[in-house]
Amino acid sequence: MDKIKVIHDAVAHTLTVWLDDPGMEHVCEETADEVVLMKDAHGRIIGFEVLHYRPADAVEGLAVETVVRTGGE
Protein backbone atom coordinates (compact mmCIF):
# COMPACT_ATOMS: atom_id res chain seq x y z
CA MET A 1 0.00 0.00 0.00
CA ASP A 2 1.19 3.51 -0.78
CA LYS A 3 1.38 6.35 1.68
CA ILE A 4 -1.85 7.81 3.02
CA LYS A 5 -2.09 11.61 3.11
CA VAL A 6 -4.10 13.20 5.95
CA ILE A 7 -4.94 16.92 5.88
CA HIS A 8 -6.65 18.70 8.77
CA ASP A 9 -7.89 22.16 7.78
CA ALA A 10 -8.60 23.91 11.11
CA VAL A 11 -10.00 27.00 9.35
CA ALA A 12 -12.47 25.18 7.07
CA HIS A 13 -13.08 22.45 9.70
CA THR A 14 -12.43 19.54 7.35
CA LEU A 15 -10.40 16.36 7.58
CA THR A 16 -9.28 14.99 4.22
CA VAL A 17 -7.73 11.54 3.77
CA TRP A 18 -6.18 10.55 0.44
CA LEU A 19 -5.70 6.82 -0.14
CA ASP A 20 -4.19 7.34 -3.60
CA ASP A 21 -2.88 10.16 -5.81
CA PRO A 22 -5.18 13.23 -5.52
CA GLY A 23 -4.44 13.97 -9.18
CA MET A 24 -6.52 10.91 -10.12
CA GLU A 25 -9.71 12.50 -8.73
CA HIS A 26 -12.49 12.36 -11.32
CA VAL A 27 -15.70 12.89 -9.37
CA CYS A 28 -16.83 13.72 -5.82
CA GLU A 29 -19.97 12.46 -4.14
CA GLU A 30 -21.36 13.78 -0.83
CA THR A 31 -23.01 11.26 1.48
CA ALA A 32 -25.89 11.92 3.86
CA ASP A 33 -23.37 11.89 6.74
CA GLU A 34 -21.53 14.99 5.45
CA VAL A 35 -18.64 12.96 4.10
CA VAL A 36 -17.38 13.60 0.57
CA LEU A 37 -16.06 10.59 -1.35
CA MET A 38 -13.43 11.30 -4.00
CA LYS A 39 -13.36 8.74 -6.80
CA ASP A 40 -11.17 8.02 -9.80
CA ALA A 41 -12.44 7.55 -13.36
CA HIS A 42 -13.25 3.89 -12.61
CA GLY A 43 -15.44 4.77 -9.60
CA ARG A 44 -12.87 3.55 -7.08
CA ILE A 45 -12.73 5.59 -3.85
CA ILE A 46 -9.32 7.26 -3.60
CA GLY A 47 -10.08 9.60 -0.72
CA PHE A 48 -12.68 11.08 1.56
CA GLU A 49 -13.31 14.35 3.35
CA VAL A 50 -15.15 14.77 6.64
CA LEU A 51 -17.04 18.07 6.71
CA HIS A 52 -17.49 20.07 9.94
CA TYR A 53 -14.61 18.18 11.57
CA ARG A 54 -13.48 19.40 14.98
CA PRO A 55 -11.03 17.44 17.15
CA ALA A 56 -12.49 16.08 20.39
CA ASP A 57 -10.17 18.19 22.55
CA ALA A 58 -8.44 21.54 22.25
CA VAL A 59 -4.96 20.06 21.80
CA GLU A 60 -3.30 21.55 18.75
CA GLY A 61 -2.44 19.07 16.02
CA LEU A 62 -3.87 15.76 14.97
CA ALA A 63 -2.89 12.36 16.36
CA VAL A 64 -2.78 9.52 13.85
CA GLU A 65 -2.40 5.87 14.81
CA THR A 66 -0.78 3.50 12.33
CA VAL A 67 -1.34 -0.26 12.45
CA VAL A 68 0.70 -2.35 10.03
CA ARG A 69 -0.29 -5.97 9.51
CA THR A 70 1.71 -8.48 7.58
CA GLY A 71 0.19 -11.27 5.50
CA GLY A 72 0.40 -13.84 8.33
CA GLU A 73 -1.94 -12.08 10.74
PDB file of N, CA and C in Angstrom:
ATOM      1  N   MET A   1       0.839  -1.170   0.000  1.00  0.00           N
ATOM      2  CA  MET A   1       0.000   0.000   0.000  1.00  0.00           C
ATOM      3  C   MET A   1       0.882   1.229   0.000  1.00  0.00           C
ATOM      4  N   ASP A   2       0.465   2.249  -0.729  1.00  0.00           N
ATOM      5  CA  ASP A   2       1.193   3.505  -0.777  1.00  0.00           C
ATOM      6  C   ASP A   2       0.930   4.317   0.480  1.00  0.00           C
ATOM      7  N   LYS A   3       1.572   5.456   0.554  1.00  0.00           N
ATOM      8  CA  LYS A   3       1.381   6.348   1.684  1.00  0.00           C
ATOM      9  C   LYS A   3      -0.028   6.935   1.678  1.00  0.00           C
ATOM     10  N   ILE A   4      -0.557   7.167   2.856  1.00  0.00           N
ATOM     11  CA  ILE A   4      -1.849   7.811   3.022  1.00  0.00           C
ATOM     12  C   ILE A   4      -1.575   9.247   3.437  1.00  0.00           C
ATOM     13  N   LYS A   5      -2.282  10.186   2.816  1.00  0.00           N
ATOM     14  CA  LYS A   5      -2.095  11.606   3.106  1.00  0.00           C
ATOM     15  C   LYS A   5      -3.297  12.095   3.898  1.00  0.00           C
ATOM     16  N   VAL A   6      -3.046  12.685   5.078  1.00  0.00           N
ATOM     17  CA  VAL A   6      -4.103  13.197   5.946  1.00  0.00           C
ATOM     18  C   VAL A   6      -3.923  14.705   6.081  1.00  0.00           C
ATOM     19  N   ILE A   7      -4.996  15.459   5.812  1.00  0.00           N
ATOM     20  CA  ILE A   7      -4.944  16.917   5.881  1.00  0.00           C
ATOM     21  C   ILE A   7      -6.058  17.404   6.804  1.00  0.00           C
ATOM     22  N   HIS A   8      -5.661  18.098   7.869  1.00  0.00           N
ATOM     23  CA  HIS A   8      -6.650  18.699   8.768  1.00  0.00           C
ATOM     24  C   HIS A   8      -6.645  20.203   8.512  1.00  0.00           C
ATOM     25  N   ASP A   9      -7.752  20.731   8.024  1.00  0.00           N
ATOM     26  CA  ASP A   9      -7.888  22.161   7.784  1.00  0.00           C
ATOM     27  C   ASP A   9      -8.677  22.742   8.955  1.00  0.00           C
ATOM     28  N   ALA A  10      -7.968  23.378   9.902  1.00  0.00           N
ATOM     29  CA  ALA A  10      -8.603  23.910  11.110  1.00  0.00           C
ATOM     30  C   ALA A  10      -9.464  25.130  10.813  1.00  0.00           C
ATOM     31  N   VAL A  11      -9.211  25.822   9.715  1.00  0.00           N
ATOM     32  CA  VAL A  11     -10.005  27.000   9.353  1.00  0.00           C
ATOM     33  C   VAL A  11     -11.327  26.573   8.715  1.00  0.00           C
ATOM     34  N   ALA A  12     -11.269  25.651   7.764  1.00  0.00           N
ATOM     35  CA  ALA A  12     -12.472  25.176   7.066  1.00  0.00           C
ATOM     36  C   ALA A  12     -13.174  24.049   7.823  1.00  0.00           C
ATOM     37  N   HIS A  13     -12.542  23.540   8.882  1.00  0.00           N
ATOM     38  CA  HIS A  13     -13.083  22.447   9.697  1.00  0.00           C
ATOM     39  C   HIS A  13     -13.362  21.203   8.857  1.00  0.00           C
ATOM     40  N   THR A  14     -12.333  20.763   8.141  1.00  0.00           N
ATOM     41  CA  THR A  14     -12.426  19.536   7.352  1.00  0.00           C
ATOM     42  C   THR A  14     -11.241  18.627   7.678  1.00  0.00           C
ATOM     43  N   LEU A  15     -11.460  17.349   7.464  1.00  0.00           N
ATOM     44  CA  LEU A  15     -10.400  16.358   7.576  1.00  0.00           C
ATOM     45  C   LEU A  15     -10.424  15.565   6.276  1.00  0.00           C
ATOM     46  N   THR A  16      -9.350  15.654   5.515  1.00  0.00           N
ATOM     47  CA  THR A  16      -9.275  14.989   4.219  1.00  0.00           C
ATOM     48  C   THR A  16      -8.248  13.872   4.293  1.00  0.00           C
ATOM     49  N   VAL A  17      -8.622  12.698   3.795  1.00  0.00           N
ATOM     50  CA  VAL A  17      -7.726  11.545   3.768  1.00  0.00           C
ATOM     51  C   VAL A  17      -7.634  11.054   2.334  1.00  0.00           C
ATOM     52  N   TRP A  18      -6.423  11.058   1.788  1.00  0.00           N
ATOM     53  CA  TRP A  18      -6.176  10.546   0.436  1.00  0.00           C
ATOM     54  C   TRP A  18      -5.569   9.165   0.542  1.00  0.00           C
ATOM     55  N   LEU A  19      -6.177   8.203  -0.116  1.00  0.00           N
ATOM     56  CA  LEU A  19      -5.699   6.824  -0.138  1.00  0.00           C
ATOM     57  C   LEU A  19      -4.862   6.549  -1.378  1.00  0.00           C
ATOM     58  N   ASP A  20      -4.914   7.469  -2.333  1.00  0.00           N
ATOM     59  CA  ASP A  20      -4.188   7.345  -3.598  1.00  0.00           C
ATOM     60  C   ASP A  20      -3.851   8.754  -4.066  1.00  0.00           C
ATOM     61  N   ASP A  21      -3.303   8.886  -5.244  1.00  0.00           N
ATOM     62  CA  ASP A  21      -2.877  10.164  -5.812  1.00  0.00           C
ATOM     63  C   ASP A  21      -4.072  11.105  -5.998  1.00  0.00           C
ATOM     64  N   PRO A  22      -4.091  12.276  -5.354  1.00  0.00           N
ATOM     65  CA  PRO A  22      -5.184  13.228  -5.515  1.00  0.00           C
ATOM     66  C   PRO A  22      -5.392  13.668  -6.969  1.00  0.00           C
ATOM     67  N   GLY A  23      -4.347  13.595  -7.766  1.00  0.00           N
ATOM     68  CA  GLY A  23      -4.444  13.970  -9.178  1.00  0.00           C
ATOM     69  C   GLY A  23      -5.334  13.039  -9.992  1.00  0.00           C
ATOM     70  N   MET A  24      -5.657  11.880  -9.427  1.00  0.00           N
ATOM     71  CA  MET A  24      -6.520  10.914 -10.123  1.00  0.00           C
ATOM     72  C   MET A  24      -8.007  11.186  -9.887  1.00  0.00           C
ATOM     73  N   GLU A  25      -8.311  12.207  -9.058  1.00  0.00           N
ATOM     74  CA  GLU A  25      -9.709  12.499  -8.735  1.00  0.00           C
ATOM     75  C   GLU A  25     -10.503  12.834  -9.992  1.00  0.00           C
ATOM     76  N   HIS A  26     -11.635  12.178 -10.145  1.00  0.00           N
ATOM     77  CA  HIS A  26     -12.490  12.361 -11.324  1.00  0.00           C
ATOM     78  C   HIS A  26     -13.852  12.920 -10.938  1.00  0.00           C
ATOM     79  N   VAL A  27     -14.381  12.457  -9.814  1.00  0.00           N
ATOM     80  CA  VAL A  27     -15.702  12.890  -9.374  1.00  0.00           C
ATOM     81  C   VAL A  27     -15.769  12.832  -7.851  1.00  0.00           C
ATOM     82  N   CYS A  28     -16.588  13.716  -7.260  1.00  0.00           N
ATOM     83  CA  CYS A  28     -16.829  13.720  -5.818  1.00  0.00           C
ATOM     84  C   CYS A  28     -18.304  13.467  -5.573  1.00  0.00           C
ATOM     85  N   GLU A  29     -18.593  12.797  -4.473  1.00  0.00           N
ATOM     86  CA  GLU A  29     -19.967  12.461  -4.135  1.00  0.00           C
ATOM     87  C   GLU A  29     -20.156  12.665  -2.637  1.00  0.00           C
ATOM     88  N   GLU A  30     -21.111  13.539  -2.251  1.00  0.00           N
ATOM     89  CA  GLU A  30     -21.363  13.781  -0.834  1.00  0.00           C
ATOM     90  C   GLU A  30     -22.383  12.782  -0.312  1.00  0.00           C
ATOM     91  N   THR A  31     -22.095  12.211   0.845  1.00  0.00           N
ATOM     92  CA  THR A  31     -23.006  11.262   1.476  1.00  0.00           C
ATOM     93  C   THR A  31     -23.958  12.015   2.397  1.00  0.00           C
ATOM     94  N   ALA A  32     -24.933  11.326   2.924  1.00  0.00           N
ATOM     95  CA  ALA A  32     -25.888  11.919   3.858  1.00  0.00           C
ATOM     96  C   ALA A  32     -25.225  12.258   5.194  1.00  0.00           C
ATOM     97  N   ASP A  33     -24.075  11.679   5.474  1.00  0.00           N
ATOM     98  CA  ASP A  33     -23.372  11.887   6.737  1.00  0.00           C
ATOM     99  C   ASP A  33     -22.341  13.005   6.652  1.00  0.00           C
ATOM    100  N   GLU A  34     -22.453  13.872   5.662  1.00  0.00           N
ATOM    101  CA  GLU A  34     -21.525  14.985   5.445  1.00  0.00           C
ATOM    102  C   GLU A  34     -20.085  14.523   5.276  1.00  0.00           C
ATOM    103  N   VAL A  35     -19.946  13.465   4.500  1.00  0.00           N
ATOM    104  CA  VAL A  35     -18.644  12.960   4.096  1.00  0.00           C
ATOM    105  C   VAL A  35     -18.615  13.002   2.578  1.00  0.00           C
ATOM    106  N   VAL A  36     -17.536  13.535   2.021  1.00  0.00           N
ATOM    107  CA  VAL A  36     -17.382  13.600   0.575  1.00  0.00           C
ATOM    108  C   VAL A  36     -16.443  12.478   0.147  1.00  0.00           C
ATOM    109  N   LEU A  37     -16.885  11.660  -0.805  1.00  0.00           N
ATOM    110  CA  LEU A  37     -16.058  10.587  -1.348  1.00  0.00           C
ATOM    111  C   LEU A  37     -15.438  11.057  -2.650  1.00  0.00           C
ATOM    112  N   MET A  38     -14.128  10.962  -2.768  1.00  0.00           N
ATOM    113  CA  MET A  38     -13.429  11.305  -3.995  1.00  0.00           C
ATOM    114  C   MET A  38     -13.137   9.998  -4.739  1.00  0.00           C
ATOM    115  N   LYS A  39     -13.507   9.962  -6.008  1.00  0.00           N
ATOM    116  CA  LYS A  39     -13.360   8.739  -6.803  1.00  0.00           C
ATOM    117  C   LYS A  39     -12.539   8.994  -8.053  1.00  0.00           C
ATOM    118  N   ASP A  40     -11.908   7.932  -8.543  1.00  0.00           N
ATOM    119  CA  ASP A  40     -11.173   8.023  -9.801  1.00  0.00           C
ATOM    120  C   ASP A  40     -12.130   7.754 -10.964  1.00  0.00           C
ATOM    121  N   ALA A  41     -11.613   7.733 -12.163  1.00  0.00           N
ATOM    122  CA  ALA A  41     -12.442   7.554 -13.363  1.00  0.00           C
ATOM    123  C   ALA A  41     -13.129   6.197 -13.413  1.00  0.00           C
ATOM    124  N   HIS A  42     -12.653   5.229 -12.631  1.00  0.00           N
ATOM    125  CA  HIS A  42     -13.251   3.888 -12.605  1.00  0.00           C
ATOM    126  C   HIS A  42     -14.260   3.735 -11.461  1.00  0.00           C
ATOM    127  N   GLY A  43     -14.490   4.816 -10.703  1.00  0.00           N
ATOM    128  CA  GLY A  43     -15.442   4.768  -9.600  1.00  0.00           C
ATOM    129  C   GLY A  43     -14.858   4.251  -8.296  1.00  0.00           C
ATOM    130  N   ARG A  44     -13.547   4.048  -8.280  1.00  0.00           N
ATOM    131  CA  ARG A  44     -12.866   3.551  -7.078  1.00  0.00           C
ATOM    132  C   ARG A  44     -12.617   4.713  -6.118  1.00  0.00           C
ATOM    133  N   ILE A  45     -12.942   4.547  -4.839  1.00  0.00           N
ATOM    134  CA  ILE A  45     -12.731   5.595  -3.846  1.00  0.00           C
ATOM    135  C   ILE A  45     -11.238   5.755  -3.602  1.00  0.00           C
ATOM    136  N   ILE A  46     -10.737   6.978  -3.811  1.00  0.00           N
ATOM    137  CA  ILE A  46      -9.318   7.258  -3.603  1.00  0.00           C
ATOM    138  C   ILE A  46      -9.101   8.230  -2.445  1.00  0.00           C
ATOM    139  N   GLY A  47     -10.193   8.708  -1.854  1.00  0.00           N
ATOM    140  CA  GLY A  47     -10.077   9.602  -0.715  1.00  0.00           C
ATOM    141  C   GLY A  47     -11.442   9.967  -0.175  1.00  0.00           C
ATOM    142  N   PHE A  48     -11.437  10.595   0.988  1.00  0.00           N
ATOM    143  CA  PHE A  48     -12.683  11.079   1.563  1.00  0.00           C
ATOM    144  C   PHE A  48     -12.400  12.312   2.401  1.00  0.00           C
ATOM    145  N   GLU A  49     -13.431  13.129   2.569  1.00  0.00           N
ATOM    146  CA  GLU A  49     -13.310  14.350   3.347  1.00  0.00           C
ATOM    147  C   GLU A  49     -14.470  14.422   4.332  1.00  0.00           C
ATOM    148  N   VAL A  50     -14.143  14.635   5.599  1.00  0.00           N
ATOM    149  CA  VAL A  50     -15.147  14.774   6.643  1.00  0.00           C
ATOM    150  C   VAL A  50     -15.417  16.265   6.812  1.00  0.00           C
ATOM    151  N   LEU A  51     -16.663  16.676   6.569  1.00  0.00           N
ATOM    152  CA  LEU A  51     -17.040  18.073   6.714  1.00  0.00           C
ATOM    153  C   LEU A  51     -17.376  18.377   8.168  1.00  0.00           C
ATOM    154  N   HIS A  52     -17.182  19.609   8.573  1.00  0.00           N
ATOM    155  CA  HIS A  52     -17.487  20.074   9.939  1.00  0.00           C
ATOM    156  C   HIS A  52     -16.694  19.294  10.987  1.00  0.00           C
ATOM    157  N   TYR A  53     -15.454  18.939  10.664  1.00  0.00           N
ATOM    158  CA  TYR A  53     -14.605  18.176  11.575  1.00  0.00           C
ATOM    159  C   TYR A  53     -14.001  19.095  12.637  1.00  0.00           C
ATOM    160  N   ARG A  54     -14.133  18.707  13.873  1.00  0.00           N
ATOM    161  CA  ARG A  54     -13.484  19.402  14.980  1.00  0.00           C
ATOM    162  C   ARG A  54     -12.922  18.331  15.909  1.00  0.00           C
ATOM    163  N   PRO A  55     -11.621  18.427  16.235  1.00  0.00           N
ATOM    164  CA  PRO A  55     -11.034  17.440  17.147  1.00  0.00           C
ATOM    165  C   PRO A  55     -11.791  17.404  18.480  1.00  0.00           C
ATOM    166  N   ALA A  56     -11.751  16.273  19.143  1.00  0.00           N
ATOM    167  CA  ALA A  56     -12.491  16.081  20.388  1.00  0.00           C
ATOM    168  C   ALA A  56     -11.984  16.976  21.514  1.00  0.00           C
ATOM    169  N   ASP A  57     -10.698  17.331  21.493  1.00  0.00           N
ATOM    170  CA  ASP A  57     -10.167  18.193  22.549  1.00  0.00           C
ATOM    171  C   ASP A  57      -9.471  19.392  21.920  1.00  0.00           C
ATOM    172  N   ALA A  58      -9.034  20.295  22.734  1.00  0.00           N
ATOM    173  CA  ALA A  58      -8.443  21.541  22.250  1.00  0.00           C
ATOM    174  C   ALA A  58      -6.946  21.421  21.987  1.00  0.00           C
ATOM    175  N   VAL A  59      -6.389  20.235  22.051  1.00  0.00           N
ATOM    176  CA  VAL A  59      -4.961  20.057  21.801  1.00  0.00           C
ATOM    177  C   VAL A  59      -4.671  20.376  20.340  1.00  0.00           C
ATOM    178  N   GLU A  60      -3.645  21.176  20.121  1.00  0.00           N
ATOM    179  CA  GLU A  60      -3.302  21.552  18.750  1.00  0.00           C
ATOM    180  C   GLU A  60      -2.648  20.377  18.040  1.00  0.00           C
ATOM    181  N   GLY A  61      -2.995  20.169  16.801  1.00  0.00           N
ATOM    182  CA  GLY A  61      -2.442  19.074  16.016  1.00  0.00           C
ATOM    183  C   GLY A  61      -3.434  17.934  15.901  1.00  0.00           C
ATOM    184  N   LEU A  62      -3.020  16.901  15.221  1.00  0.00           N
ATOM    185  CA  LEU A  62      -3.875  15.755  14.967  1.00  0.00           C
ATOM    186  C   LEU A  62      -3.073  14.488  15.221  1.00  0.00           C
ATOM    187  N   ALA A  63      -3.569  13.617  16.071  1.00  0.00           N
ATOM    188  CA  ALA A  63      -2.889  12.358  16.360  1.00  0.00           C
ATOM    189  C   ALA A  63      -3.373  11.299  15.379  1.00  0.00           C
ATOM    190  N   VAL A  64      -2.447  10.571  14.798  1.00  0.00           N
ATOM    191  CA  VAL A  64      -2.781   9.518  13.849  1.00  0.00           C
ATOM    192  C   VAL A  64      -2.131   8.224  14.324  1.00  0.00           C
ATOM    193  N   GLU A  65      -2.916   7.168  14.416  1.00  0.00           N
ATOM    194  CA  GLU A  65      -2.396   5.865  14.812  1.00  0.00           C
ATOM    195  C   GLU A  65      -2.207   5.011  13.571  1.00  0.00           C
ATOM    196  N   THR A  66      -1.072   4.358  13.474  1.00  0.00           N
ATOM    197  CA  THR A  66      -0.779   3.505  12.333  1.00  0.00           C
ATOM    198  C   THR A  66      -0.670   2.059  12.806  1.00  0.00           C
ATOM    199  N   VAL A  67      -1.405   1.168  12.152  1.00  0.00           N
ATOM    200  CA  VAL A  67      -1.336  -0.262  12.445  1.00  0.00           C
ATOM    201  C   VAL A  67      -0.917  -0.956  11.162  1.00  0.00           C
ATOM    202  N   VAL A  68       0.205  -1.650  11.206  1.00  0.00           N
ATOM    203  CA  VAL A  68       0.697  -2.352  10.029  1.00  0.00           C
ATOM    204  C   VAL A  68       0.569  -3.842  10.283  1.00  0.00           C
ATOM    205  N   ARG A  69      -0.103  -4.527   9.385  1.00  0.00           N
ATOM    206  CA  ARG A  69      -0.295  -5.970   9.511  1.00  0.00           C
ATOM    207  C   ARG A  69       0.411  -6.652   8.338  1.00  0.00           C
ATOM    208  N   THR A  70       1.063  -7.721   8.638  1.00  0.00           N
ATOM    209  CA  THR A  70       1.712  -8.485   7.577  1.00  0.00           C
ATOM    210  C   THR A  70       0.776  -9.599   7.153  1.00  0.00           C
ATOM    211  N   GLY A  71       1.050 -10.251   6.068  1.00  0.00           N
ATOM    212  CA  GLY A  71       0.189 -11.274   5.497  1.00  0.00           C
ATOM    213  C   GLY A  71      -0.174 -12.411   6.426  1.00  0.00           C
ATOM    214  N   GLY A  72       0.635 -12.706   7.448  1.00  0.00           N
ATOM    215  CA  GLY A  72       0.405 -13.839   8.329  1.00  0.00           C
ATOM    216  C   GLY A  72      -0.568 -13.590   9.465  1.00  0.00           C
ATOM    217  N   GLU A  73      -1.057 -12.389   9.604  1.00  0.00           N
ATOM    218  CA  GLU A  73      -1.938 -12.085  10.744  1.00  0.00           C
ATOM    219  C   GLU A  73      -3.390 -12.220  10.412  1.00  0.00           C
TER     220      GLU A  73
END
